[in-house]
Amino acid sequence: MNSLNSEDTAVYYCNAVAQIFPWGQGTQVTVSS
């Protein structure tokens, strides 16, 4: 992730697309000065 801005602040998760598996805990991304 490059050129991050405040609107990218979120918890990010990975998963399959066609079949959703149980979600992991995610990783928090916070964009702030």
PDB file of all heavy atoms in Angstrom:
ATOM      1  N   MET A   1       0.844  -1.188   0.000  1.00  0.00           N
ATOM      2  CA  MET A   1       0.000   0.000   0.000  1.00  0.00           C
ATOM      3  C   MET A   1       0.881   1.241   0.000  1.00  0.00           C
ATOM      4  O   MET A   1       1.674   1.436   0.923  1.00  0.00           O
ATOM      5  CB  MET A   1      -0.914  -0.003   1.232  1.00  0.00           C
ATOM      6  CG  MET A   1      -1.739  -1.269   1.389  1.00  0.00           C
ATOM      7  SD  MET A   1      -2.945  -1.171   2.715  1.00  0.00           S
ATOM      8  CE  MET A   1      -1.856  -0.985   4.124  1.00  0.00           C
ATOM      9  N   ASN A   2       0.752   2.037  -1.028  1.00  0.00           N
ATOM     10  CA  ASN A   2       1.517   3.271  -1.160  1.00  0.00           C
ATOM     11  C   ASN A   2       0.581   4.474  -1.179  1.00  0.00           C
ATOM     12  O   ASN A   2      -0.632   4.333  -1.378  1.00  0.00           O
ATOM     13  CB  ASN A   2       2.346   3.242  -2.440  1.00  0.00           C
ATOM     14  CG  ASN A   2       3.350   2.104  -2.464  1.00  0.00           C
ATOM     15  OD1 ASN A   2       3.881   1.688  -1.437  1.00  0.00           O
ATOM     16  ND2 ASN A   2       3.601   1.588  -3.656  1.00  0.00           N
ATOM     17  N   SER A   3       1.156   5.641  -0.986  1.00  0.00           N
ATOM     18  CA  SER A   3       0.392   6.897  -1.021  1.00  0.00           C
ATOM     19  C   SER A   3      -0.862   6.813  -0.164  1.00  0.00           C
ATOM     20  O   SER A   3      -1.966   7.171  -0.588  1.00  0.00           O
ATOM     21  CB  SER A   3       0.019   7.244  -2.469  1.00  0.00           C
ATOM     22  OG  SER A   3       1.166   7.370  -3.269  1.00  0.00           O
ATOM     23  N   LEU A   4      -0.691   6.336   1.036  1.00  0.00           N
ATOM     24  CA  LEU A   4      -1.832   6.138   1.931  1.00  0.00           C
ATOM     25  C   LEU A   4      -2.434   7.476   2.342  1.00  0.00           C
ATOM     26  O   LEU A   4      -1.725   8.484   2.490  1.00  0.00           O
ATOM     27  CB  LEU A   4      -1.392   5.346   3.158  1.00  0.00           C
ATOM     28  CG  LEU A   4      -1.148   3.853   2.898  1.00  0.00           C
ATOM     29  CD1 LEU A   4      -0.290   3.242   3.999  1.00  0.00           C
ATOM     30  CD2 LEU A   4      -2.458   3.111   2.761  1.00  0.00           C
ATOM     31  N   ASN A   5      -3.746   7.470   2.504  1.00  0.00           N
ATOM     32  CA  ASN A   5      -4.447   8.649   2.994  1.00  0.00           C
ATOM     33  C   ASN A   5      -5.418   8.234   4.095  1.00  0.00           C
ATOM     34  O   ASN A   5      -5.612   7.038   4.357  1.00  0.00           O
ATOM     35  CB  ASN A   5      -5.157   9.377   1.853  1.00  0.00           C
ATOM     36  CG  ASN A   5      -6.166   8.496   1.142  1.00  0.00           C
ATOM     37  OD1 ASN A   5      -7.106   8.022   1.755  1.00  0.00           O
ATOM     38  ND2 ASN A   5      -5.972   8.274  -0.157  1.00  0.00           N
ATOM     39  N   SER A   6      -6.032   9.206   4.702  1.00  0.00           N
ATOM     40  CA  SER A   6      -6.870   8.939   5.873  1.00  0.00           C
ATOM     41  C   SER A   6      -8.044   8.009   5.551  1.00  0.00           C
ATOM     42  O   SER A   6      -8.518   7.280   6.431  1.00  0.00           O
ATOM     43  CB  SER A   6      -7.390  10.252   6.460  1.00  0.00           C
ATOM     44  OG  SER A   6      -8.147  10.962   5.494  1.00  0.00           O
ATOM     45  N   GLU A   7      -8.490   8.026   4.323  1.00  0.00           N
ATOM     46  CA  GLU A   7      -9.615   7.168   3.941  1.00  0.00           C
ATOM     47  C   GLU A   7      -9.211   5.699   3.854  1.00  0.00           C
ATOM     48  O   GLU A   7     -10.075   4.832   3.706  1.00  0.00           O
ATOM     49  CB  GLU A   7     -10.208   7.630   2.617  1.00  0.00           C
ATOM     50  CG  GLU A   7     -10.841   9.010   2.711  1.00  0.00           C
ATOM     51  CD  GLU A   7     -11.563   9.423   1.440  1.00  0.00           C
ATOM     52  OE1 GLU A   7     -11.389   8.735   0.410  1.00  0.00           O
ATOM     53  OE2 GLU A   7     -12.304  10.423   1.483  1.00  0.00           O
ATOM     54  N   ASP A   8      -7.929   5.411   3.930  1.00  0.00           N
ATOM     55  CA  ASP A   8      -7.464   4.021   3.948  1.00  0.00           C
ATOM     56  C   ASP A   8      -7.453   3.450   5.356  1.00  0.00           C
ATOM     57  O   ASP A   8      -7.175   2.259   5.535  1.00  0.00           O
ATOM     58  CB  ASP A   8      -6.059   3.938   3.348  1.00  0.00           C
ATOM     59  CG  ASP A   8      -6.010   4.356   1.891  1.00  0.00           C
ATOM     60  OD1 ASP A   8      -6.914   3.952   1.130  1.00  0.00           O
ATOM     61  OD2 ASP A   8      -5.065   5.090   1.527  1.00  0.00           O
ATOM     62  N   THR A   9      -7.731   4.270   6.345  1.00  0.00           N
ATOM     63  CA  THR A   9      -7.774   3.781   7.721  1.00  0.00           C
ATOM     64  C   THR A   9      -8.883   2.745   7.883  1.00  0.00           C
ATOM     65  O   THR A   9     -10.044   3.018   7.578  1.00  0.00           O
ATOM     66  CB  THR A   9      -8.005   4.948   8.697  1.00  0.00           C
ATOM     67  OG1 THR A   9      -6.869   5.810   8.657  1.00  0.00           O
ATOM     68  CG2 THR A   9      -8.209   4.449  10.119  1.00  0.00           C
ATOM     69  N   ALA A  10      -8.510   1.566   8.327  1.00  0.00           N
ATOM     70  CA  ALA A  10      -9.466   0.466   8.435  1.00  0.00           C
ATOM     71  C   ALA A  10      -8.749  -0.747   9.027  1.00  0.00           C
ATOM     72  O   ALA A  10      -7.519  -0.754   9.155  1.00  0.00           O
ATOM     73  CB  ALA A  10     -10.029   0.100   7.067  1.00  0.00           C
ATOM     74  N   VAL A  11      -9.539  -1.752   9.343  1.00  0.00           N
ATOM     75  CA  VAL A  11      -8.971  -3.067   9.636  1.00  0.00           C
ATOM     76  C   VAL A  11      -8.957  -3.842   8.326  1.00  0.00           C
ATOM     77  O   VAL A  11      -9.973  -3.906   7.623  1.00  0.00           O
ATOM     78  CB  VAL A  11      -9.790  -3.818  10.697  1.00  0.00           C
ATOM     79  CG1 VAL A  11      -9.158  -5.181  10.981  1.00  0.00           C
ATOM     80  CG2 VAL A  11      -9.875  -3.006  11.986  1.00  0.00           C
ATOM     81  N   TYR A  12      -7.802  -4.401   8.014  1.00  0.00           N
ATOM     82  CA  TYR A  12      -7.620  -5.115   6.758  1.00  0.00           C
ATOM     83  C   TYR A  12      -7.608  -6.620   7.012  1.00  0.00           C
ATOM     84  O   TYR A  12      -6.949  -7.104   7.946  1.00  0.00           O
ATOM     85  CB  TYR A  12      -6.322  -4.676   6.087  1.00  0.00           C
ATOM     86  CG  TYR A  12      -6.436  -3.323   5.440  1.00  0.00           C
ATOM     87  CD1 TYR A  12      -6.488  -2.173   6.214  1.00  0.00           C
ATOM     88  CD2 TYR A  12      -6.502  -3.188   4.057  1.00  0.00           C
ATOM     89  CE1 TYR A  12      -6.621  -0.921   5.633  1.00  0.00           C
ATOM     90  CE2 TYR A  12      -6.620  -1.941   3.462  1.00  0.00           C
ATOM     91  CZ  TYR A  12      -6.681  -0.817   4.252  1.00  0.00           C
ATOM     92  OH  TYR A  12      -6.811   0.425   3.662  1.00  0.00           O
ATOM     93  N   TYR A  13      -8.329  -7.330   6.157  1.00  0.00           N
ATOM     94  CA  TYR A  13      -8.465  -8.779   6.257  1.00  0.00           C
ATOM     95  C   TYR A  13      -8.149  -9.422   4.904  1.00  0.00           C
ATOM     96  O   TYR A  13      -8.379  -8.811   3.859  1.00  0.00           O
ATOM     97  CB  TYR A  13      -9.900  -9.177   6.601  1.00  0.00           C
ATOM     98  CG  TYR A  13     -10.467  -8.573   7.852  1.00  0.00           C
ATOM     99  CD1 TYR A  13     -11.075  -7.328   7.828  1.00  0.00           C
ATOM    100  CD2 TYR A  13     -10.447  -9.273   9.058  1.00  0.00           C
ATOM    101  CE1 TYR A  13     -11.623  -6.772   8.980  1.00  0.00           C
ATOM    102  CE2 TYR A  13     -10.997  -8.732  10.206  1.00  0.00           C
ATOM    103  CZ  TYR A  13     -11.583  -7.488  10.158  1.00  0.00           C
ATOM    104  OH  TYR A  13     -12.141  -6.950  11.290  1.00  0.00           O
ATOM    105  N   CYS A  14      -7.691 -10.642   4.933  1.00  0.00           N
ATOM    106  CA  CYS A  14      -7.610 -11.407   3.696  1.00  0.00           C
ATOM    107  C   CYS A  14      -8.618 -12.552   3.773  1.00  0.00           C
ATOM    108  O   CYS A  14      -9.023 -12.975   4.850  1.00  0.00           O
ATOM    109  CB  CYS A  14      -6.207 -11.943   3.452  1.00  0.00           C
ATOM    110  SG  CYS A  14      -5.745 -13.318   4.508  1.00  0.00           S
ATOM    111  N   ASN A  15      -9.033 -13.013   2.626  1.00  0.00           N
ATOM    112  CA  ASN A  15      -9.906 -14.168   2.546  1.00  0.00           C
ATOM    113  C   ASN A  15      -9.972 -14.589   1.086  1.00  0.00           C
ATOM    114  O   ASN A  15      -9.518 -13.863   0.193  1.00  0.00           O
ATOM    115  CB  ASN A  15     -11.320 -13.841   3.059  1.00  0.00           C
ATOM    116  CG  ASN A  15     -12.001 -15.043   3.712  1.00  0.00           C
ATOM    117  OD1 ASN A  15     -11.954 -16.149   3.181  1.00  0.00           O
ATOM    118  ND2 ASN A  15     -12.602 -14.828   4.863  1.00  0.00           N
ATOM    119  N   ALA A  16     -10.523 -15.755   0.868  1.00  0.00           N
ATOM    120  CA  ALA A  16     -10.808 -16.148  -0.498  1.00  0.00           C
ATOM    121  C   ALA A  16     -11.938 -15.261  -1.009  1.00  0.00           C
ATOM    122  O   ALA A  16     -12.601 -14.552  -0.242  1.00  0.00           O
ATOM    123  CB  ALA A  16     -11.173 -17.622  -0.553  1.00  0.00           C
ATOM    124  N   VAL A  17     -12.174 -15.313  -2.308  1.00  0.00           N
ATOM    125  CA  VAL A  17     -13.196 -14.453  -2.902  1.00  0.00           C
ATOM    126  C   VAL A  17     -14.458 -15.238  -3.220  1.00  0.00           C
ATOM    127  O   VAL A  17     -15.555 -14.837  -2.857  1.00  0.00           O
ATOM    128  CB  VAL A  17     -12.639 -13.757  -4.158  1.00  0.00           C
ATOM    129  CG1 VAL A  17     -13.742 -12.979  -4.870  1.00  0.00           C
ATOM    130  CG2 VAL A  17     -11.500 -12.819  -3.782  1.00  0.00           C
ATOM    131  N   ALA A  18     -14.342 -16.343  -3.916  1.00  0.00           N
ATOM    132  CA  ALA A  18     -15.522 -17.111  -4.315  1.00  0.00           C
ATOM    133  C   ALA A  18     -16.139 -17.844  -3.133  1.00  0.00           C
ATOM    134  O   ALA A  18     -17.348 -18.100  -3.120  1.00  0.00           O
ATOM    135  CB  ALA A  18     -15.151 -18.101  -5.406  1.00  0.00           C
ATOM    136  N   GLN A  19     -15.332 -18.200  -2.164  1.00  0.00           N
ATOM    137  CA  GLN A  19     -15.807 -18.879  -0.956  1.00  0.00           C
ATOM    138  C   GLN A  19     -15.176 -18.216   0.245  1.00  0.00           C
ATOM    139  O   GLN A  19     -13.961 -18.186   0.373  1.00  0.00           O
ATOM    140  CB  GLN A  19     -15.434 -20.364  -0.975  1.00  0.00           C
ATOM    141  CG  GLN A  19     -15.848 -21.117   0.280  1.00  0.00           C
ATOM    142  CD  GLN A  19     -15.494 -22.591   0.234  1.00  0.00           C
ATOM    143  OE1 GLN A  19     -15.101 -23.110  -0.814  1.00  0.00           O
ATOM    144  NE2 GLN A  19     -15.623 -23.291   1.345  1.00  0.00           N
ATOM    145  N   ILE A  20     -16.020 -17.668   1.117  1.00  0.00           N
ATOM    146  CA  ILE A  20     -15.508 -16.956   2.283  1.00  0.00           C
ATOM    147  C   ILE A  20     -15.315 -17.930   3.435  1.00  0.00           C
ATOM    148  O   ILE A  20     -16.241 -18.647   3.823  1.00  0.00           O
ATOM    149  CB  ILE A  20     -16.464 -15.824   2.699  1.00  0.00           C
ATOM    150  CG1 ILE A  20     -16.583 -14.792   1.582  1.00  0.00           C
ATOM    151  CG2 ILE A  20     -15.986 -15.174   4.000  1.00  0.00           C
ATOM    152  CD1 ILE A  20     -15.289 -14.090   1.242  1.00  0.00           C
ATOM    153  N   PHE A  21     -14.111 -17.934   3.985  1.00  0.00           N
ATOM    154  CA  PHE A  21     -13.773 -18.755   5.142  1.00  0.00           C
ATOM    155  C   PHE A  21     -13.895 -17.909   6.418  1.00  0.00           C
ATOM    156  O   PHE A  21     -14.051 -16.683   6.334  1.00  0.00           O
ATOM    157  CB  PHE A  21     -12.358 -19.301   4.981  1.00  0.00           C
ATOM    158  CG  PHE A  21     -12.232 -20.287   3.856  1.00  0.00           C
ATOM    159  CD1 PHE A  21     -11.873 -19.870   2.576  1.00  0.00           C
ATOM    160  CD2 PHE A  21     -12.501 -21.627   4.059  1.00  0.00           C
ATOM    161  CE1 PHE A  21     -11.777 -20.772   1.525  1.00  0.00           C
ATOM    162  CE2 PHE A  21     -12.403 -22.538   3.015  1.00  0.00           C
ATOM    163  CZ  PHE A  21     -12.046 -22.105   1.748  1.00  0.00           C
ATOM    164  N   PRO A  22     -13.837 -18.545   7.595  1.00  0.00           N
ATOM    165  CA  PRO A  22     -13.896 -17.753   8.837  1.00  0.00           C
ATOM    166  C   PRO A  22     -12.830 -16.667   8.838  1.00  0.00           C
ATOM    167  O   PRO A  22     -11.660 -16.923   8.516  1.00  0.00           O
ATOM    168  CB  PRO A  22     -13.649 -18.796   9.927  1.00  0.00           C
ATOM    169  CG  PRO A  22     -14.185 -20.063   9.341  1.00  0.00           C
ATOM    170  CD  PRO A  22     -13.842 -19.993   7.882  1.00  0.00           C
ATOM    171  N   TRP A  23     -13.208 -15.467   9.209  1.00  0.00           N
ATOM    172  CA  TRP A  23     -12.303 -14.332   9.150  1.00  0.00           C
ATOM    173  C   TRP A  23     -11.231 -14.430  10.227  1.00  0.00           C
ATOM    174  O   TRP A  23     -11.473 -14.907  11.334  1.00  0.00           O
ATOM    175  CB  TRP A  23     -13.082 -13.032   9.325  1.00  0.00           C
ATOM    176  CG  TRP A  23     -14.047 -12.770   8.226  1.00  0.00           C
ATOM    177  CD1 TRP A  23     -15.370 -13.091   8.199  1.00  0.00           C
ATOM    178  CD2 TRP A  23     -13.757 -12.165   6.955  1.00  0.00           C
ATOM    179  NE1 TRP A  23     -15.924 -12.719   7.001  1.00  0.00           N
ATOM    180  CE2 TRP A  23     -14.960 -12.138   6.215  1.00  0.00           C
ATOM    181  CE3 TRP A  23     -12.609 -11.630   6.374  1.00  0.00           C
ATOM    182  CZ2 TRP A  23     -15.047 -11.613   4.928  1.00  0.00           C
ATOM    183  CZ3 TRP A  23     -12.689 -11.102   5.103  1.00  0.00           C
ATOM    184  CH2 TRP A  23     -13.895 -11.092   4.386  1.00  0.00           C
ATOM    185  N   GLY A  24     -10.048 -13.947   9.872  1.00  0.00           N
ATOM    186  CA  GLY A  24      -8.992 -13.805  10.852  1.00  0.00           C
ATOM    187  C   GLY A  24      -9.219 -12.572  11.696  1.00  0.00           C
ATOM    188  O   GLY A  24     -10.268 -11.932  11.625  1.00  0.00           O
ATOM    189  N   GLN A  25      -8.204 -12.216  12.470  1.00  0.00           N
ATOM    190  CA  GLN A  25      -8.342 -11.073  13.368  1.00  0.00           C
ATOM    191  C   GLN A  25      -8.135  -9.745  12.653  1.00  0.00           C
ATOM    192  O   GLN A  25      -8.500  -8.692  13.159  1.00  0.00           O
ATOM    193  CB  GLN A  25      -7.336 -11.183  14.528  1.00  0.00           C
ATOM    194  CG  GLN A  25      -5.927 -10.702  14.233  1.00  0.00           C
ATOM    195  CD  GLN A  25      -5.140 -11.622  13.304  1.00  0.00           C
ATOM    196  OE1 GLN A  25      -5.564 -12.750  13.011  1.00  0.00           O
ATOM    197  NE2 GLN A  25      -3.976 -11.160  12.865  1.00  0.00           N
ATOM    198  N   GLY A  26      -7.588  -9.810  11.461  1.00  0.00           N
ATOM    199  CA  GLY A  26      -7.322  -8.579  10.724  1.00  0.00           C
ATOM    200  C   GLY A  26      -6.113  -7.847  11.259  1.00  0.00           C
ATOM    201  O   GLY A  26      -5.532  -8.204  12.293  1.00  0.00           O
ATOM    202  N   THR A  27      -5.714  -6.820  10.539  1.00  0.00           N
ATOM    203  CA  THR A  27      -4.607  -5.975  10.969  1.00  0.00           C
ATOM    204  C   THR A  27      -5.025  -4.517  10.787  1.00  0.00           C
ATOM    205  O   THR A  27      -5.533  -4.135   9.735  1.00  0.00           O
ATOM    206  CB  THR A  27      -3.311  -6.322  10.214  1.00  0.00           C
ATOM    207  OG1 THR A  27      -2.215  -5.584  10.773  1.00  0.00           O
ATOM    208  CG2 THR A  27      -3.413  -6.052   8.722  1.00  0.00           C
ATOM    209  N   GLN A  28      -4.821  -3.736  11.819  1.00  0.00           N
ATOM    210  CA  GLN A  28      -5.283  -2.347  11.818  1.00  0.00           C
ATOM    211  C   GLN A  28      -4.299  -1.467  11.064  1.00  0.00           C
ATOM    212  O   GLN A  28      -3.092  -1.490  11.330  1.00  0.00           O
ATOM    213  CB  GLN A  28      -5.421  -1.828  13.251  1.00  0.00           C
ATOM    214  CG  GLN A  28      -5.767  -0.359  13.359  1.00  0.00           C
ATOM    215  CD  GLN A  28      -7.193  -0.059  12.938  1.00  0.00           C
ATOM    216  OE1 GLN A  28      -8.130  -0.729  13.376  1.00  0.00           O
ATOM    217  NE2 GLN A  28      -7.366   0.969  12.103  1.00  0.00           N
ATOM    218  N   VAL A  29      -4.836  -0.682  10.158  1.00  0.00           N
ATOM    219  CA  VAL A  29      -4.057   0.335   9.448  1.00  0.00           C
ATOM    220  C   VAL A  29      -4.652   1.693   9.798  1.00  0.00           C
ATOM    221  O   VAL A  29      -5.845   1.928   9.582  1.00  0.00           O
ATOM    222  CB  VAL A  29      -4.087   0.111   7.929  1.00  0.00           C
ATOM    223  CG1 VAL A  29      -3.436   1.289   7.202  1.00  0.00           C
ATOM    224  CG2 VAL A  29      -3.387  -1.188   7.570  1.00  0.00           C
ATOM    225  N   THR A  30      -3.822   2.549  10.343  1.00  0.00           N
ATOM    226  CA  THR A  30      -4.261   3.893  10.704  1.00  0.00           C
ATOM    227  C   THR A  30      -3.369   4.897  10.001  1.00  0.00           C
ATOM    228  O   THR A  30      -2.144   4.868  10.161  1.00  0.00           O
ATOM    229  CB  THR A  30      -4.193   4.109  12.218  1.00  0.00           C
ATOM    230  OG1 THR A  30      -4.999   3.136  12.884  1.00  0.00           O
ATOM    231  CG2 THR A  30      -4.701   5.500  12.586  1.00  0.00           C
ATOM    232  N   VAL A  31      -3.995   5.749   9.214  1.00  0.00           N
ATOM    233  CA  VAL A  31      -3.256   6.775   8.487  1.00  0.00           C
ATOM    234  C   VAL A  31      -3.578   8.117   9.131  1.00  0.00           C
ATOM    235  O   VAL A  31      -4.720   8.593   9.064  1.00  0.00           O
ATOM    236  CB  VAL A  31      -3.624   6.792   6.997  1.00  0.00           C
ATOM    237  CG1 VAL A  31      -2.753   7.814   6.261  1.00  0.00           C
ATOM    238  CG2 VAL A  31      -3.461   5.408   6.396  1.00  0.00           C
ATOM    239  N   SER A  32      -2.582   8.695   9.749  1.00  0.00           N
ATOM    240  CA  SER A  32      -2.808   9.938  10.484  1.00  0.00           C
ATOM    241  C   SER A  32      -1.489  10.658  10.692  1.00  0.00           C
ATOM    242  O   SER A  32      -0.432  10.021  10.845  1.00  0.00           O
ATOM    243  CB  SER A  32      -3.450   9.633  11.848  1.00  0.00           C
ATOM    244  OG  SER A  32      -3.559  10.815  12.620  1.00  0.00           O
ATOM    245  N   SER A  33      -1.566  11.984  10.708  1.00  0.00           N
ATOM    246  CA  SER A  33      -0.376  12.774  10.994  1.00  0.00           C
ATOM    247  C   SER A  33      -0.285  13.073  12.487  1.00  0.00           C
ATOM    248  O   SER A  33       0.664  13.723  12.928  1.00  0.00           O
ATOM    249  CB  SER A  33      -0.405  14.063  10.177  1.00  0.00           C
ATOM    250  OG  SER A  33      -1.594  14.772  10.436  1.00  0.00           O
TER     251      SER A  33
END
